[in-house]
N, C-alpha and C. Protein backbone atom coordinates (compact mmCIF):
# COMPACT_ATOMS: atom_id res chain seq x y z
N MET A 1 -37.05 -89.73 -36.25
CA MET A 1 -37.02 -88.30 -36.38
C MET A 1 -38.48 -87.78 -36.25
N ASP A 2 -38.68 -86.68 -35.64
CA ASP A 2 -39.99 -86.10 -35.38
C ASP A 2 -40.64 -85.73 -36.72
N PRO A 3 -41.93 -86.07 -36.96
CA PRO A 3 -42.60 -85.74 -38.20
C PRO A 3 -42.65 -84.24 -38.46
N PHE A 4 -42.81 -83.46 -37.37
CA PHE A 4 -42.87 -82.02 -37.54
C PHE A 4 -41.52 -81.50 -38.01
N LEU A 5 -40.44 -82.04 -37.50
CA LEU A 5 -39.09 -81.63 -37.89
C LEU A 5 -38.83 -82.00 -39.38
N LYS A 6 -39.32 -83.18 -39.78
CA LYS A 6 -39.20 -83.56 -41.18
C LYS A 6 -39.95 -82.61 -42.10
N LEU A 7 -41.18 -82.24 -41.71
CA LEU A 7 -41.98 -81.32 -42.48
C LEU A 7 -41.29 -79.95 -42.56
N PHE A 8 -40.75 -79.54 -41.45
CA PHE A 8 -40.04 -78.23 -41.48
C PHE A 8 -38.83 -78.29 -42.40
N ALA A 9 -38.06 -79.34 -42.32
CA ALA A 9 -36.87 -79.48 -43.17
C ALA A 9 -37.26 -79.53 -44.65
N PHE A 10 -38.35 -80.28 -44.98
CA PHE A 10 -38.80 -80.35 -46.33
C PHE A 10 -39.28 -78.97 -46.83
N ALA A 11 -40.06 -78.27 -46.01
CA ALA A 11 -40.56 -76.95 -46.41
C ALA A 11 -39.38 -75.96 -46.61
N HIS A 12 -38.39 -76.07 -45.74
CA HIS A 12 -37.24 -75.17 -45.86
C HIS A 12 -36.46 -75.47 -47.16
N ALA A 13 -36.22 -76.71 -47.42
CA ALA A 13 -35.49 -77.10 -48.62
C ALA A 13 -36.27 -76.72 -49.86
N TYR A 14 -37.58 -76.92 -49.84
CA TYR A 14 -38.40 -76.64 -50.99
C TYR A 14 -38.43 -75.14 -51.31
N THR A 15 -38.64 -74.32 -50.29
CA THR A 15 -38.68 -72.86 -50.51
C THR A 15 -37.28 -72.33 -50.89
N ALA A 16 -36.26 -72.90 -50.35
CA ALA A 16 -34.89 -72.44 -50.67
C ALA A 16 -34.58 -72.76 -52.12
N ALA A 17 -35.03 -73.88 -52.61
CA ALA A 17 -34.79 -74.26 -54.00
C ALA A 17 -35.64 -73.50 -54.97
N ALA A 18 -36.88 -73.16 -54.55
CA ALA A 18 -37.81 -72.48 -55.42
C ALA A 18 -37.49 -71.00 -55.62
N VAL A 19 -36.91 -70.40 -54.62
CA VAL A 19 -36.62 -68.97 -54.71
C VAL A 19 -35.25 -68.76 -55.29
N GLU A 20 -35.19 -68.05 -56.43
CA GLU A 20 -33.88 -67.75 -57.01
C GLU A 20 -33.21 -66.64 -56.26
N PRO A 21 -31.95 -66.76 -56.10
CA PRO A 21 -31.26 -65.64 -55.45
C PRO A 21 -31.38 -64.39 -56.34
N ARG A 22 -31.72 -63.31 -55.75
CA ARG A 22 -31.89 -62.05 -56.49
C ARG A 22 -30.53 -61.44 -56.69
N LYS A 23 -30.38 -60.80 -57.82
CA LYS A 23 -29.16 -60.05 -58.12
C LYS A 23 -29.23 -58.77 -57.33
N ARG A 24 -28.12 -58.43 -56.74
CA ARG A 24 -28.01 -57.17 -56.00
C ARG A 24 -27.29 -56.16 -56.86
N ASP A 25 -27.96 -55.04 -57.03
CA ASP A 25 -27.29 -53.92 -57.73
C ASP A 25 -26.46 -53.15 -56.74
N GLU A 26 -25.19 -53.24 -56.87
CA GLU A 26 -24.33 -52.52 -55.96
C GLU A 26 -23.57 -51.48 -56.75
N GLY A 27 -23.42 -50.32 -56.16
CA GLY A 27 -22.73 -49.25 -56.83
C GLY A 27 -23.70 -48.44 -57.71
N GLN A 28 -23.12 -47.48 -58.38
CA GLN A 28 -23.91 -46.60 -59.23
C GLN A 28 -23.69 -46.93 -60.65
N THR A 29 -24.71 -46.68 -61.47
CA THR A 29 -24.57 -46.80 -62.91
C THR A 29 -24.02 -45.49 -63.45
N MET A 30 -23.66 -45.54 -64.72
CA MET A 30 -23.11 -44.32 -65.34
C MET A 30 -24.16 -43.20 -65.36
N ALA A 31 -25.41 -43.52 -65.54
CA ALA A 31 -26.47 -42.49 -65.52
C ALA A 31 -26.56 -41.84 -64.19
N GLU A 32 -26.48 -42.61 -63.10
CA GLU A 32 -26.52 -42.03 -61.77
C GLU A 32 -25.30 -41.17 -61.50
N TYR A 33 -24.11 -41.61 -61.99
CA TYR A 33 -22.91 -40.80 -61.83
C TYR A 33 -23.07 -39.45 -62.57
N SER A 34 -23.64 -39.49 -63.75
CA SER A 34 -23.76 -38.23 -64.52
C SER A 34 -24.75 -37.28 -63.87
N VAL A 35 -25.83 -37.82 -63.28
CA VAL A 35 -26.79 -36.98 -62.57
C VAL A 35 -26.13 -36.34 -61.36
N ALA A 36 -25.38 -37.16 -60.58
CA ALA A 36 -24.70 -36.65 -59.41
C ALA A 36 -23.67 -35.58 -59.79
N LEU A 37 -22.93 -35.83 -60.84
CA LEU A 37 -21.93 -34.88 -61.30
C LEU A 37 -22.54 -33.59 -61.77
N THR A 38 -23.69 -33.66 -62.45
CA THR A 38 -24.37 -32.48 -62.91
C THR A 38 -24.87 -31.63 -61.72
N ILE A 39 -25.43 -32.29 -60.74
CA ILE A 39 -25.91 -31.55 -59.54
C ILE A 39 -24.77 -30.89 -58.79
N ILE A 40 -23.68 -31.61 -58.64
CA ILE A 40 -22.52 -31.05 -57.93
C ILE A 40 -21.92 -29.86 -58.71
N THR A 41 -21.84 -30.02 -60.02
CA THR A 41 -21.31 -28.92 -60.89
C THR A 41 -22.18 -27.68 -60.77
N ILE A 42 -23.49 -27.83 -60.83
CA ILE A 42 -24.38 -26.68 -60.72
C ILE A 42 -24.26 -26.02 -59.37
N ALA A 43 -24.12 -26.84 -58.29
CA ALA A 43 -23.94 -26.31 -56.96
C ALA A 43 -22.64 -25.52 -56.82
N VAL A 44 -21.60 -26.04 -57.37
CA VAL A 44 -20.25 -25.36 -57.31
C VAL A 44 -20.30 -24.08 -58.08
N ILE A 45 -20.83 -24.09 -59.28
CA ILE A 45 -20.89 -22.85 -60.11
C ILE A 45 -21.77 -21.82 -59.42
N THR A 46 -22.89 -22.22 -58.84
CA THR A 46 -23.75 -21.29 -58.11
C THR A 46 -23.02 -20.68 -56.94
N ALA A 47 -22.32 -21.53 -56.15
CA ALA A 47 -21.61 -21.02 -54.98
C ALA A 47 -20.51 -20.04 -55.38
N ILE A 48 -19.76 -20.39 -56.43
CA ILE A 48 -18.70 -19.50 -56.88
C ILE A 48 -19.27 -18.16 -57.34
N SER A 49 -20.34 -18.21 -58.12
CA SER A 49 -20.91 -16.96 -58.62
C SER A 49 -21.48 -16.12 -57.51
N LEU A 50 -22.06 -16.75 -56.49
CA LEU A 50 -22.62 -15.96 -55.37
C LEU A 50 -21.53 -15.40 -54.48
N LEU A 51 -20.44 -16.12 -54.34
CA LEU A 51 -19.40 -15.67 -53.44
C LEU A 51 -18.24 -14.89 -54.10
N SER A 52 -18.25 -14.79 -55.44
CA SER A 52 -17.12 -14.18 -56.11
C SER A 52 -16.90 -12.75 -55.71
N GLY A 53 -17.97 -11.98 -55.57
CA GLY A 53 -17.83 -10.57 -55.18
C GLY A 53 -17.19 -10.44 -53.81
N LYS A 54 -17.62 -11.22 -52.86
CA LYS A 54 -17.09 -11.18 -51.50
C LYS A 54 -15.67 -11.67 -51.47
N VAL A 55 -15.33 -12.65 -52.23
CA VAL A 55 -13.95 -13.15 -52.29
C VAL A 55 -13.01 -12.06 -52.82
N VAL A 56 -13.40 -11.39 -53.89
CA VAL A 56 -12.59 -10.33 -54.43
C VAL A 56 -12.39 -9.18 -53.44
N ASP A 57 -13.48 -8.85 -52.74
CA ASP A 57 -13.42 -7.77 -51.74
C ASP A 57 -12.50 -8.19 -50.57
N THR A 58 -12.56 -9.41 -50.14
CA THR A 58 -11.71 -9.88 -49.05
C THR A 58 -10.27 -9.94 -49.45
N ILE A 59 -9.98 -10.41 -50.66
CA ILE A 59 -8.60 -10.41 -51.13
C ILE A 59 -8.08 -8.98 -51.26
N SER A 60 -8.88 -8.07 -51.73
CA SER A 60 -8.44 -6.67 -51.83
C SER A 60 -8.19 -6.10 -50.47
N ALA A 61 -9.03 -6.39 -49.48
CA ALA A 61 -8.83 -5.88 -48.12
C ALA A 61 -7.54 -6.43 -47.50
N VAL A 62 -7.25 -7.71 -47.73
CA VAL A 62 -6.02 -8.31 -47.20
C VAL A 62 -4.83 -7.71 -47.91
N ALA A 63 -4.90 -7.49 -49.20
CA ALA A 63 -3.79 -6.92 -49.98
C ALA A 63 -3.52 -5.48 -49.53
N ASP A 64 -4.58 -4.74 -49.17
CA ASP A 64 -4.36 -3.36 -48.67
C ASP A 64 -3.67 -3.32 -47.32
N VAL A 65 -3.85 -4.36 -46.49
CA VAL A 65 -3.24 -4.43 -45.19
C VAL A 65 -1.77 -4.83 -45.28
N LEU A 66 -1.43 -5.63 -46.24
CA LEU A 66 -0.08 -6.12 -46.38
C LEU A 66 0.89 -4.99 -46.69
N PRO A 67 2.11 -5.05 -46.14
CA PRO A 67 3.10 -3.99 -46.44
C PRO A 67 3.57 -4.09 -47.91
N GLY A 68 3.87 -2.98 -48.45
CA GLY A 68 4.36 -2.96 -49.83
C GLY A 68 3.28 -2.74 -50.84
N SER A 69 2.06 -2.50 -50.41
CA SER A 69 0.97 -2.33 -51.34
C SER A 69 0.89 -0.88 -51.81
């Protein structure tokens, strides 16, 4: 066997054994979920409050056009 190949195989085995596999954090934690939920809730409340006047006006305009009003 080639000495260079032996050295490479030894180095590879040594580094593979020396390095612990790192834990991978997959998914979100509860804190991240709560932050995301808070931001989404604030955005929805802001959008509803900004659009509420226009929505009421639009519903009233459609109701005025409908027969029987």
